[in-house]
């Protein structure tokens, strides 16, 4: 299993399965209600970046009677007469750290034991500190921390010496203040910290047609990740991993989800 990180450069919206009232929500995990990026969205975007038909079909599988399939048959001499699985599987994109405004510290990136322990298992990280609530890396004597509607006294927080274990080296300077909240409180704070935009529809006379609606998005500066690997039927694992890594290296800035024309969904991939 390999791991790839996303650092959001713009709000990211991946459509959910339901729409409640005038709120257009985002995709959420059913058991935690945390936002996530469906693996199909990630896979579809990366697949579209592959320009070599042989590499595209080897990694992601063929589409019957498509131009790529015909080029693949002509170049390799292999006949594609049925759908088959590619050599790469891609998992869902999960939250790791999400930025929340703070009256006392500007921005604080929050997470919780559930998210951090999930990352530790996927990324093969052995925590040097037990992941418990209220770990932070910016505690100072007699300094209160204001986070949304919550106020933390210095005695509530525990200094965290090994927080960099859960921050990729490429982002050590980008994420400076982190705080671990209990699972249930983290879900509430994340819900309040989502990006929401009011949208209206205008008719041909530039007047409002209908009512307002709200669209959710995961905020910029959020750190996410997704696992990937090779399928069990892959004949050349090292070649498949090399081709996939090369594809990601060539496209370190991706645009995922909807609202591309509005400049949404830009992520840095590393």
Protein backbone atom coordinates (compact mmCIF):
# COMPACT_ATOMS: atom_id res chain seq x y z
CA UNK A 1 0.00 0.00 0.00
CA UNK A 2 1.25 3.46 -0.95
CA UNK A 3 0.01 6.87 0.15
CA UNK A 4 -0.43 10.17 -1.66
CA UNK A 5 -1.18 13.51 0.00
CA UNK A 6 -3.43 16.36 -1.13
CA UNK A 7 -2.98 19.93 0.10
CA UNK A 8 -6.01 21.97 -0.94
CA UNK A 9 -5.19 25.21 -2.75
CA UNK A 10 -8.86 26.12 -3.28
CA UNK A 11 -12.23 25.05 -1.87
CA UNK A 12 -13.11 21.54 -3.03
CA UNK A 13 -16.66 20.34 -3.69
CA UNK A 14 -17.52 16.72 -4.42
CA UNK A 15 -21.26 16.22 -4.69
CA UNK A 16 -23.09 14.25 -2.04
CA UNK A 17 -25.89 11.77 -2.54
CA UNK A 18 -28.63 13.93 -1.05
CA UNK A 19 -29.67 17.56 -1.01
CA UNK A 20 -31.40 18.88 2.10
CA UNK A 21 -33.58 21.88 1.45
CA UNK A 22 -31.53 24.62 -0.20
CA UNK A 23 -28.17 23.16 0.92
CA UNK A 24 -26.07 21.35 -1.70
CA UNK A 25 -23.89 19.17 0.48
CA UNK A 26 -20.61 17.36 -0.12
CA UNK A 27 -19.68 13.69 -0.01
CA UNK A 28 -19.47 12.40 3.56
CA UNK A 29 -18.49 9.15 5.23
CA UNK A 30 -21.64 7.38 6.39
CA UNK A 31 -20.21 6.25 9.75
CA UNK A 32 -18.42 9.47 10.79
CA UNK A 33 -20.10 12.21 8.71
CA UNK A 34 -16.62 13.56 7.90
CA UNK A 35 -16.14 15.00 4.40
CA UNK A 36 -14.10 12.87 2.00
CA UNK A 37 -13.16 12.60 -1.67
CA UNK A 38 -14.67 9.51 -3.35
CA UNK A 39 -12.07 7.26 -4.92
CA UNK A 40 -13.98 7.38 -8.21
CA UNK A 41 -13.39 11.16 -8.40
CA UNK A 42 -9.66 10.74 -7.80
CA UNK A 43 -9.35 7.80 -10.19
CA UNK A 44 -11.30 9.55 -12.94
CA UNK A 45 -9.15 12.67 -12.72
CA UNK A 46 -5.83 10.82 -12.73
CA UNK A 47 -7.00 8.54 -15.56
CA UNK A 48 -7.80 11.59 -17.69
CA UNK A 49 -4.18 12.77 -17.33
CA UNK A 50 -2.72 9.68 -18.99
CA UNK A 51 -2.08 10.46 -22.67
CA UNK A 52 -0.38 7.20 -23.61
CA UNK A 53 -3.18 4.67 -24.40
CA UNK A 54 -1.02 1.68 -23.42
CA UNK A 55 -0.19 3.18 -20.02
CA UNK A 56 -3.80 4.30 -19.47
CA UNK A 57 -5.30 0.87 -20.19
CA UNK A 58 -2.61 -1.03 -18.30
CA UNK A 59 -3.13 1.12 -15.19
CA UNK A 60 -6.88 1.72 -15.24
CA UNK A 61 -8.40 -0.90 -17.52
CA UNK A 62 -9.99 -0.56 -20.98
CA UNK A 63 -13.22 0.91 -22.30
CA UNK A 64 -14.73 -1.17 -25.08
CA UNK A 65 -14.68 0.40 -28.56
CA UNK A 66 -12.96 3.56 -27.32
CA UNK A 67 -10.22 5.34 -29.35
CA UNK A 68 -7.68 4.38 -26.67
CA UNK A 69 -8.63 0.70 -26.97
CA UNK A 70 -8.13 0.74 -30.72
CA UNK A 71 -4.73 2.42 -30.34
CA UNK A 72 -3.82 -0.09 -27.65
CA UNK A 73 -4.71 -3.02 -29.91
CA UNK A 74 -2.73 -1.55 -32.80
CA UNK A 75 0.34 -0.88 -30.67
CA UNK A 76 0.43 -4.06 -28.59
CA UNK A 77 -1.28 -6.56 -30.86
CA UNK A 78 -3.57 -7.59 -27.99
CA UNK A 79 -7.31 -7.84 -28.61
CA UNK A 80 -9.67 -6.14 -26.13
CA UNK A 81 -12.97 -8.00 -26.23
CA UNK A 82 -14.12 -7.59 -22.62
CA UNK A 83 -13.78 -5.22 -19.72
CA UNK A 84 -10.98 -6.00 -17.29
CA UNK A 85 -9.49 -4.50 -14.16
CA UNK A 86 -6.43 -2.29 -14.39
CA UNK A 87 -3.24 -2.79 -12.43
CA UNK A 88 -3.85 0.11 -9.99
CA UNK A 89 -6.45 0.49 -7.24
CA UNK A 90 -7.16 3.87 -5.59
CA UNK A 91 -8.81 4.47 -2.20
CA UNK A 92 -10.94 7.31 -0.90
CA UNK A 93 -9.41 10.63 0.05
CA UNK A 94 -9.57 11.12 3.85
CA UNK A 95 -9.13 14.15 6.08
CA UNK A 96 -5.99 14.53 8.13
CA UNK A 97 -5.86 18.20 9.20
CA UNK A 98 -8.45 20.89 8.51
CA UNK A 99 -7.95 24.63 9.24
CA UNK A 100 -10.30 26.34 11.69
CA UNK A 101 -10.29 30.09 12.47
CA UNK A 102 -9.12 31.10 15.93
CA UNK A 103 -9.51 34.51 17.60
CA UNK A 104 -6.30 33.98 19.53
CA UNK A 105 -4.05 32.28 16.95
CA UNK A 106 -5.43 33.15 13.52
CA UNK A 107 -5.73 29.61 12.14
CA UNK A 108 -5.39 26.28 13.93
CA UNK A 109 -5.37 22.93 12.13
CA UNK A 110 -7.46 20.35 13.97
CA UNK A 111 -7.78 16.58 13.86
CA UNK A 112 -8.89 13.81 16.23
CA UNK A 113 -7.67 10.38 17.41
CA UNK A 114 -9.89 8.58 14.88
CA UNK A 115 -8.41 10.42 11.89
CA UNK A 116 -4.82 10.30 13.15
CA UNK A 117 -4.89 6.61 14.03
CA UNK A 118 -6.44 5.83 10.64
CA UNK A 119 -3.60 7.70 8.96
CA UNK A 120 -1.01 5.92 11.12
CA UNK A 121 -2.29 2.54 9.94
CA UNK A 122 -2.37 3.50 6.27
CA UNK A 123 0.95 5.39 6.26
CA UNK A 124 2.69 2.81 8.48
CA UNK A 125 3.46 5.41 11.16
CA UNK A 126 4.21 4.31 14.72
CA UNK A 127 3.12 7.21 16.97
CA UNK A 128 5.75 8.15 19.55
CA UNK A 129 2.96 9.61 21.69
CA UNK A 130 -0.45 8.15 22.49
CA UNK A 131 -3.02 10.01 20.38
CA UNK A 132 -5.41 11.46 22.96
CA UNK A 133 -7.48 14.66 22.95
CA UNK A 134 -6.04 18.11 23.54
CA UNK A 135 -2.52 17.54 22.25
CA UNK A 136 -1.12 20.73 20.75
CA UNK A 137 2.22 22.15 19.64
CA UNK A 138 1.75 25.81 20.58
CA UNK A 139 0.91 25.79 24.29
CA UNK A 140 2.35 28.64 26.33
CA UNK A 141 1.96 29.46 30.00
CA UNK A 142 -1.10 31.57 30.87
CA UNK A 143 -2.23 31.64 27.23
CA UNK A 144 -5.82 30.77 26.44
CA UNK A 145 -6.78 29.30 23.08
CA UNK A 146 -9.97 30.47 21.40
CA UNK A 147 -11.33 28.09 18.76
CA UNK A 148 -14.73 28.98 17.34
CA UNK A 149 -17.03 28.87 20.40
CA UNK A 150 -14.59 26.87 22.53
CA UNK A 151 -12.11 28.31 25.01
CA UNK A 152 -9.18 26.19 26.22
CA UNK A 153 -7.27 26.99 29.37
CA UNK A 154 -3.51 26.25 29.41
CA UNK A 155 -4.18 23.44 31.87
CA UNK A 156 -6.50 21.76 29.33
CA UNK A 157 -3.76 21.31 26.73
CA UNK A 158 -0.80 18.94 26.57
CA UNK A 159 2.34 19.91 24.70
CA UNK A 160 2.93 17.59 21.72
CA UNK A 161 6.57 17.05 20.82
CA UNK A 162 6.10 14.60 17.95
CA UNK A 163 3.36 16.24 15.90
CA UNK A 164 5.59 16.29 12.79
CA UNK A 165 4.99 12.53 12.46
CA UNK A 166 1.58 13.43 11.07
CA UNK A 167 2.74 16.27 8.80
CA UNK A 168 4.56 15.46 5.53
CA UNK A 169 7.96 17.12 5.36
CA UNK A 170 6.83 19.19 2.36
CA UNK A 171 4.30 20.99 4.61
CA UNK A 172 6.18 21.56 7.85
CA UNK A 173 6.19 25.30 7.18
CA UNK A 174 2.59 25.46 5.91
CA UNK A 175 0.93 23.86 8.95
CA UNK A 176 2.23 25.51 12.12
CA UNK A 177 -0.37 25.12 14.88
CA UNK A 178 -2.19 21.82 15.42
CA UNK A 179 -4.73 20.70 18.00
CA UNK A 180 -6.19 17.23 18.60
CA UNK A 181 -9.86 17.27 19.64
CA UNK A 182 -12.09 14.41 20.83
CA UNK A 183 -13.77 12.58 17.98
CA UNK A 184 -17.27 13.87 18.70
CA UNK A 185 -16.17 17.49 19.15
CA UNK A 186 -13.96 17.37 16.07
CA UNK A 187 -16.95 16.36 13.92
CA UNK A 188 -18.91 19.36 15.22
CA UNK A 189 -16.07 21.84 14.67
CA UNK A 190 -15.41 20.49 11.15
CA UNK A 191 -19.08 20.95 10.32
CA UNK A 192 -18.88 24.60 11.42
CA UNK A 193 -15.60 25.12 9.55
CA UNK A 194 -16.75 24.01 6.10
CA UNK A 195 -16.71 26.55 3.31
CA UNK A 196 -20.26 27.67 2.38
CA UNK A 197 -21.18 29.90 -0.52
CA UNK A 198 -24.55 31.47 -1.22
CA UNK A 199 -25.62 30.97 -4.85
CA UNK A 200 -28.50 32.54 -6.78
CA UNK A 201 -29.91 31.98 -10.23
CA UNK A 202 -30.48 34.95 -12.53
CA UNK A 203 -32.94 35.04 -15.42
CA UNK A 204 -32.38 36.71 -18.79
CA UNK A 205 -33.16 40.11 -17.26
CA UNK A 206 -30.49 39.68 -14.56
CA UNK A 207 -33.06 39.42 -11.80
CA UNK A 208 -33.16 36.69 -9.17
CA UNK A 209 -35.00 33.59 -10.38
CA UNK A 210 -36.07 31.53 -7.36
CA UNK A 211 -34.48 31.50 -3.93
CA UNK A 212 -31.01 31.22 -2.51
CA UNK A 213 -29.08 27.98 -2.20
CA UNK A 214 -25.92 27.15 -0.30
CA UNK A 215 -23.05 25.02 -1.55
CA UNK A 216 -20.58 23.35 0.81
CA UNK A 217 -16.89 22.79 0.15
CA UNK A 218 -13.83 21.56 2.03
CA UNK A 219 -11.80 24.71 2.84
CA UNK A 220 -8.39 25.58 1.34
CA UNK A 221 -5.25 24.60 3.30
CA UNK A 222 -6.84 21.29 4.32
CA UNK A 223 -4.47 18.30 4.28
CA UNK A 224 -5.90 15.04 2.94
CA UNK A 225 -4.49 11.76 1.62
CA UNK A 226 -5.49 8.66 -0.30
CA UNK A 227 -4.01 5.14 -0.37
CA UNK A 228 -3.24 3.29 -3.59
CA UNK A 229 -1.55 0.12 -4.70
CA UNK A 230 -1.44 -2.60 -7.33
CA UNK A 231 -4.16 -5.20 -7.81
CA UNK A 232 -3.51 -8.88 -7.16
CA UNK A 233 -3.57 -9.78 -10.85
CA UNK A 234 -0.83 -7.31 -11.82
CA UNK A 235 1.93 -9.16 -13.65
CA UNK A 236 4.57 -6.41 -13.28
CA UNK A 237 4.06 -4.61 -9.98
CA UNK A 238 7.20 -2.47 -10.13
CA UNK A 239 6.42 -1.22 -13.63
CA UNK A 240 2.84 -0.34 -12.68
CA UNK A 241 4.00 1.58 -9.61
CA UNK A 242 6.66 3.39 -11.66
CA UNK A 243 4.14 4.40 -14.34
CA UNK A 244 1.62 5.63 -11.77
CA UNK A 245 4.22 7.58 -9.78
CA UNK A 246 5.48 9.13 -13.02
CA UNK A 247 1.94 10.21 -13.88
CA UNK A 248 1.53 11.90 -10.49
CA UNK A 249 4.96 13.53 -10.66
CA UNK A 250 4.13 15.10 -14.02
CA UNK A 251 0.88 16.59 -12.65
CA UNK A 252 1.52 17.87 -9.14
CA UNK A 253 -1.39 20.33 -9.36
CA UNK A 254 -4.75 18.64 -9.96
CA UNK A 255 -8.30 19.95 -10.18
CA UNK A 256 -10.82 17.59 -8.57
CA UNK A 257 -14.56 17.81 -8.11
CA UNK A 258 -17.06 20.24 -9.55
CA UNK A 259 -17.02 23.98 -10.27
CA UNK A 260 -13.82 23.87 -12.32
CA UNK A 261 -14.83 27.05 -14.17
CA UNK A 262 -14.87 28.88 -10.81
CA UNK A 263 -11.31 27.85 -9.98
CA UNK A 264 -12.42 25.36 -7.34
CA UNK A 265 -10.88 22.01 -6.51
CA UNK A 266 -7.20 22.80 -7.07
CA UNK A 267 -4.97 20.53 -4.97
CA UNK A 268 -1.21 20.04 -4.65
CA UNK A 269 -0.40 16.35 -4.96
CA UNK A 270 2.74 14.90 -3.35
